[in-house]
Amino acid sequence: MKQELDNESVAKAYARWAPVYDLMFGPVFERGRHAAIAVAERIGGRILEVGVGTGISLPDYSRTSRVFGVDISEAMLRKARERVNELSLSHVEGLAVMDAANLNFPDASFDVVVAQYVITAVPDPEATLDEFARVLKPGGEIVLLSRVGAEAAGVRRTVERALSPFARQLGFRTQFPWERYTRWAQKSQQGSHGVRLLERRPMPPMGHFSLIRFAKIDAQAEGQEHLRLRATG
């Protein structure tokens, strides 16, 4: 049994999920989807949704938004294309098969990157987050809906460990500590695409998932503000 995820196994897993994904997960994650979209649209501009899947969230964006969706699974994207065509979702700029850790976009292409239930389902979460920061404009935001593993010993942590091998076969991880998110954000500040944590908000079901927001540091704007404060000080 594989101990880690890889793109091929994830794509195969979600090809199996495609026919039943909306039925299985649509109602369960509805509140989280609406919360993520509300944050993204409050920021505005051009939105990239990574792991767009069957496009279940696309009708919930306002028609004034500009959304591009990518996913590793062609089977899931077929469902998304059908949804876009059937509902005439003119605010969707495009849909493409793409590896979340190797996005085919120039630097600073989007004002918001939304990833719902993605980070714990990719082979290299930190490299994926690096890509999100790369394609994000300075001052923009990464908006995640993501699993956060149990933070203390107890029944939940025991269950997560027991289910981990089974979950990998289904294309995701059950164990993913909060420290991985915070360590990544701290490390990012050593490079050219640094971010800072803005928010962590528990989401249903049962608080196992969180809405997590990171802002890309706008070094130029911060430098100008520093000079202004010095000049007025």
Protein backbone atom coordinates (compact mmCIF):
# COMPACT_ATOMS: atom_id res chain seq x y z
CA MET A 1 0.00 0.00 0.00
CA LYS A 2 1.31 3.47 -0.91
CA GLN A 3 2.24 5.56 2.09
CA GLU A 4 1.84 8.90 0.29
CA LEU A 5 -0.40 10.35 -2.38
CA ASP A 6 0.64 10.89 -5.99
CA ASN A 7 -1.11 12.66 -8.87
CA GLU A 8 -1.99 9.45 -10.69
CA SER A 9 -3.66 7.84 -7.70
CA VAL A 10 -5.49 11.06 -6.80
CA ALA A 11 -6.79 11.46 -10.37
CA LYS A 12 -7.98 7.85 -10.40
CA ALA A 13 -9.65 8.25 -7.02
CA TYR A 14 -11.57 11.34 -8.10
CA ALA A 15 -12.55 9.74 -11.40
CA ARG A 16 -14.37 7.21 -9.20
CA TRP A 17 -15.88 10.01 -7.11
CA ALA A 18 -17.06 12.07 -10.11
CA PRO A 19 -20.47 10.37 -10.66
CA VAL A 20 -21.50 10.64 -7.01
CA TYR A 21 -19.46 13.57 -5.67
CA ASP A 22 -22.28 16.12 -5.63
CA LEU A 23 -24.67 13.73 -3.94
CA MET A 24 -22.15 12.61 -1.32
CA PHE A 25 -20.49 15.92 -0.48
CA GLY A 26 -22.73 18.70 -1.79
CA PRO A 27 -24.93 19.18 1.29
CA VAL A 28 -22.14 18.32 3.78
CA PHE A 29 -19.81 21.08 2.57
CA GLU A 30 -22.41 23.64 1.49
CA ARG A 31 -21.85 26.11 4.33
CA GLY A 32 -18.11 25.97 3.82
CA ARG A 33 -18.44 26.63 0.09
CA HIS A 34 -20.67 29.63 0.67
CA ALA A 35 -18.27 31.04 3.27
CA ALA A 36 -15.26 30.71 0.94
CA ILE A 37 -17.10 32.31 -1.96
CA ALA A 38 -18.26 35.20 0.22
CA VAL A 39 -14.66 35.93 1.22
CA ALA A 40 -13.41 35.64 -2.37
CA GLU A 41 -16.05 38.00 -3.71
CA ARG A 42 -15.43 40.50 -0.94
CA ILE A 43 -11.84 40.71 -2.19
CA GLY A 44 -13.00 40.82 -5.81
CA GLY A 45 -11.01 40.77 -9.02
CA ARG A 46 -9.98 37.63 -10.85
CA ILE A 47 -10.50 34.38 -8.93
CA LEU A 48 -8.73 31.05 -9.43
CA GLU A 49 -10.50 28.04 -7.97
CA VAL A 50 -8.08 25.12 -7.64
CA GLY A 51 -9.71 21.73 -7.28
CA VAL A 52 -12.91 22.99 -8.87
CA GLY A 53 -14.04 19.37 -9.28
CA THR A 54 -17.53 19.01 -10.72
CA GLY A 55 -17.98 22.77 -10.56
CA ILE A 56 -20.46 22.48 -7.73
CA SER A 57 -19.46 25.91 -6.38
CA LEU A 58 -19.49 27.76 -9.72
CA PRO A 59 -23.21 28.69 -9.76
CA ASP A 60 -22.84 30.28 -6.33
CA TYR A 61 -20.43 32.96 -7.56
CA SER A 62 -22.10 36.18 -8.67
CA ARG A 63 -22.24 36.76 -12.41
CA THR A 64 -19.99 39.80 -11.97
CA SER A 65 -17.11 37.60 -10.77
CA ARG A 66 -14.38 36.29 -13.06
CA VAL A 67 -13.54 32.69 -12.20
CA PHE A 68 -11.09 30.22 -13.72
CA GLY A 69 -11.28 26.62 -12.47
CA VAL A 70 -8.61 23.90 -12.56
CA ASP A 71 -8.56 20.30 -11.41
CA ILE A 72 -6.30 17.24 -11.74
CA SER A 73 -9.26 15.04 -12.71
CA GLU A 74 -10.55 15.16 -16.28
CA ALA A 75 -13.59 13.14 -15.18
CA MET A 76 -14.52 15.77 -12.60
CA LEU A 77 -13.97 18.59 -15.11
CA ARG A 78 -16.32 16.97 -17.60
CA LYS A 79 -19.04 17.39 -15.00
CA ALA A 80 -17.96 21.00 -14.46
CA ARG A 81 -18.10 21.78 -18.18
CA GLU A 82 -21.58 20.28 -18.41
CA ARG A 83 -22.68 22.46 -15.49
CA VAL A 84 -21.21 25.62 -17.04
CA ASN A 85 -22.95 24.94 -20.35
CA GLU A 86 -26.30 23.91 -18.88
CA LEU A 87 -26.50 26.91 -16.55
CA SER A 88 -24.86 29.41 -18.95
CA LEU A 89 -22.28 30.43 -16.36
CA SER A 90 -20.77 33.31 -18.31
CA HIS A 91 -18.64 34.41 -15.35
CA VAL A 92 -16.49 31.27 -15.71
CA GLU A 93 -13.49 32.27 -17.84
CA GLY A 94 -12.29 28.71 -18.37
CA LEU A 95 -11.72 25.23 -16.99
CA ALA A 96 -8.52 23.24 -17.40
CA VAL A 97 -6.81 20.06 -16.24
CA MET A 98 -3.85 21.21 -14.19
CA ASP A 99 -1.57 20.03 -11.41
CA ALA A 100 -2.13 22.25 -8.38
CA ALA A 101 1.62 22.24 -7.67
CA ASN A 102 2.49 23.25 -11.25
CA LEU A 103 -0.02 25.86 -12.35
CA ASN A 104 0.24 27.02 -15.94
CA PHE A 105 -0.21 30.71 -15.18
CA PRO A 106 2.26 33.62 -14.99
CA ASP A 107 3.20 35.12 -11.65
CA ALA A 108 0.64 37.46 -10.09
CA SER A 109 -2.25 36.38 -12.37
CA PHE A 110 -5.08 36.36 -9.81
CA ASP A 111 -6.49 38.49 -7.01
CA VAL A 112 -7.79 35.47 -5.09
CA VAL A 113 -6.92 31.77 -5.05
CA VAL A 114 -9.66 29.55 -3.63
CA ALA A 115 -8.97 25.89 -2.80
CA GLN A 116 -11.78 23.93 -1.21
CA TYR A 117 -10.86 20.59 0.37
CA VAL A 118 -7.69 20.40 -1.74
CA ILE A 119 -4.59 20.80 0.41
CA THR A 120 -4.90 17.44 2.18
CA ALA A 121 -5.56 15.72 -1.17
CA VAL A 122 -2.39 16.72 -3.05
CA PRO A 123 0.98 14.90 -3.01
CA ASP A 124 2.98 17.94 -1.83
CA PRO A 125 0.84 20.42 0.13
CA GLU A 126 3.64 22.92 0.73
CA ALA A 127 4.67 23.03 -2.94
CA THR A 128 1.01 23.51 -3.83
CA LEU A 129 0.70 26.43 -1.42
CA ASP A 130 3.88 27.89 -2.93
CA GLU A 131 2.20 27.82 -6.35
CA PHE A 132 -0.88 29.53 -4.97
CA ALA A 133 1.30 32.32 -3.61
CA ARG A 134 3.23 32.59 -6.89
CA VAL A 135 0.16 33.14 -9.09
CA LEU A 136 -1.41 35.52 -6.56
CA LYS A 137 -1.04 39.28 -6.91
CA PRO A 138 0.60 41.16 -4.03
CA GLY A 139 -2.10 42.10 -1.56
CA GLY A 140 -4.33 39.26 -2.77
CA GLU A 141 -5.58 36.35 -0.66
CA ILE A 142 -5.43 32.58 -0.57
CA VAL A 143 -8.74 31.22 0.75
CA LEU A 144 -8.66 27.60 1.85
CA LEU A 145 -11.30 25.25 3.12
CA SER A 146 -9.19 22.50 4.55
CA ARG A 147 -8.99 19.71 7.08
CA VAL A 148 -7.08 20.38 10.27
CA GLY A 149 -6.05 17.24 12.12
CA ALA A 150 -6.68 16.58 15.79
CA GLU A 151 -4.55 18.90 17.91
CA ALA A 152 -4.58 16.79 21.07
CA ALA A 153 -4.41 13.12 21.93
CA GLY A 154 -7.79 11.51 22.15
CA VAL A 155 -10.48 9.63 20.28
CA ARG A 156 -10.39 11.86 17.20
CA ARG A 157 -6.64 11.49 16.72
CA THR A 158 -6.91 7.71 17.18
CA VAL A 159 -9.68 7.52 14.57
CA GLU A 160 -7.70 9.67 12.12
CA ARG A 161 -4.71 7.37 12.40
CA ALA A 162 -6.84 4.27 11.97
CA LEU A 163 -8.57 5.67 8.89
CA SER A 164 -5.42 7.08 7.29
CA PRO A 165 -4.58 4.10 5.01
CA PHE A 166 -8.17 3.85 3.83
CA ALA A 167 -8.38 7.61 3.23
CA ARG A 168 -5.26 7.58 1.03
CA GLN A 169 -6.96 5.05 -1.22
CA LEU A 170 -9.86 7.49 -1.53
CA GLY A 171 -7.50 10.34 -2.43
CA PHE A 172 -7.01 12.39 0.74
CA ARG A 173 -5.32 12.52 4.16
CA THR A 174 -7.00 12.41 7.54
CA GLN A 175 -3.90 13.52 9.49
CA PHE A 176 -2.78 17.08 8.77
CA PRO A 177 -1.75 19.21 11.75
CA TRP A 178 -2.30 22.96 11.97
CA GLU A 179 1.44 23.47 12.36
CA ARG A 180 1.98 22.57 8.70
CA TYR A 181 -0.03 25.61 7.65
CA THR A 182 1.73 27.98 10.04
CA ARG A 183 5.21 26.63 9.29
CA TRP A 184 4.60 27.07 5.59
CA ALA A 185 3.48 30.69 6.06
CA GLN A 186 6.56 31.48 8.16
CA LYS A 187 8.90 29.85 5.65
CA SER A 188 7.27 31.67 2.72
CA GLN A 189 8.36 35.00 4.15
CA GLN A 190 11.97 34.10 3.41
CA GLY A 191 11.22 34.10 -0.33
CA SER A 192 9.69 36.39 -2.93
CA HIS A 193 6.11 35.19 -2.45
CA GLY A 194 5.66 35.62 1.28
CA VAL A 195 2.28 35.43 2.98
CA ARG A 196 0.84 36.13 6.41
CA LEU A 197 -1.97 34.30 8.15
CA LEU A 198 -5.16 36.35 8.42
CA GLU A 199 -7.80 34.00 9.77
CA ARG A 200 -8.67 30.49 10.85
CA ARG A 201 -12.39 29.84 11.23
CA PRO A 202 -13.76 26.38 12.16
CA MET A 203 -16.35 25.11 9.70
CA PRO A 204 -18.81 22.21 9.65
CA PRO A 205 -19.00 19.31 9.78
CA MET A 206 -18.07 19.23 13.47
CA GLY A 207 -15.19 21.68 13.13
CA HIS A 208 -12.91 19.13 11.44
CA PHE A 209 -12.38 21.67 8.65
CA SER A 210 -11.43 25.33 8.74
CA LEU A 211 -11.65 28.36 6.53
CA ILE A 212 -8.06 29.61 6.40
CA ARG A 213 -6.99 32.91 4.85
CA PHE A 214 -3.50 34.06 3.90
CA ALA A 215 -2.63 37.46 2.43
CA LYS A 216 0.27 37.82 0.03
CA ILE A 217 2.67 40.41 1.37
CA ASP A 218 2.89 43.52 -0.82
CA ALA A 219 6.49 44.48 -0.15
CA GLN A 220 6.34 47.60 -2.32
CA ALA A 221 3.23 48.95 -0.62
CA GLU A 222 4.64 48.21 2.83
CA GLY A 223 7.89 49.93 1.90
CA GLN A 224 6.04 53.03 0.75
CA GLU A 225 3.98 53.06 3.94
CA HIS A 226 7.16 52.76 6.01
CA LEU A 227 8.68 55.73 4.19
CA ARG A 228 5.48 57.74 4.68
CA LEU A 229 5.47 57.03 8.40
CA ARG A 230 9.11 58.02 8.68
CA ALA A 231 8.46 61.23 6.80
CA THR A 232 5.48 62.17 8.98
CA GLY A 233 7.17 61.00 12.18
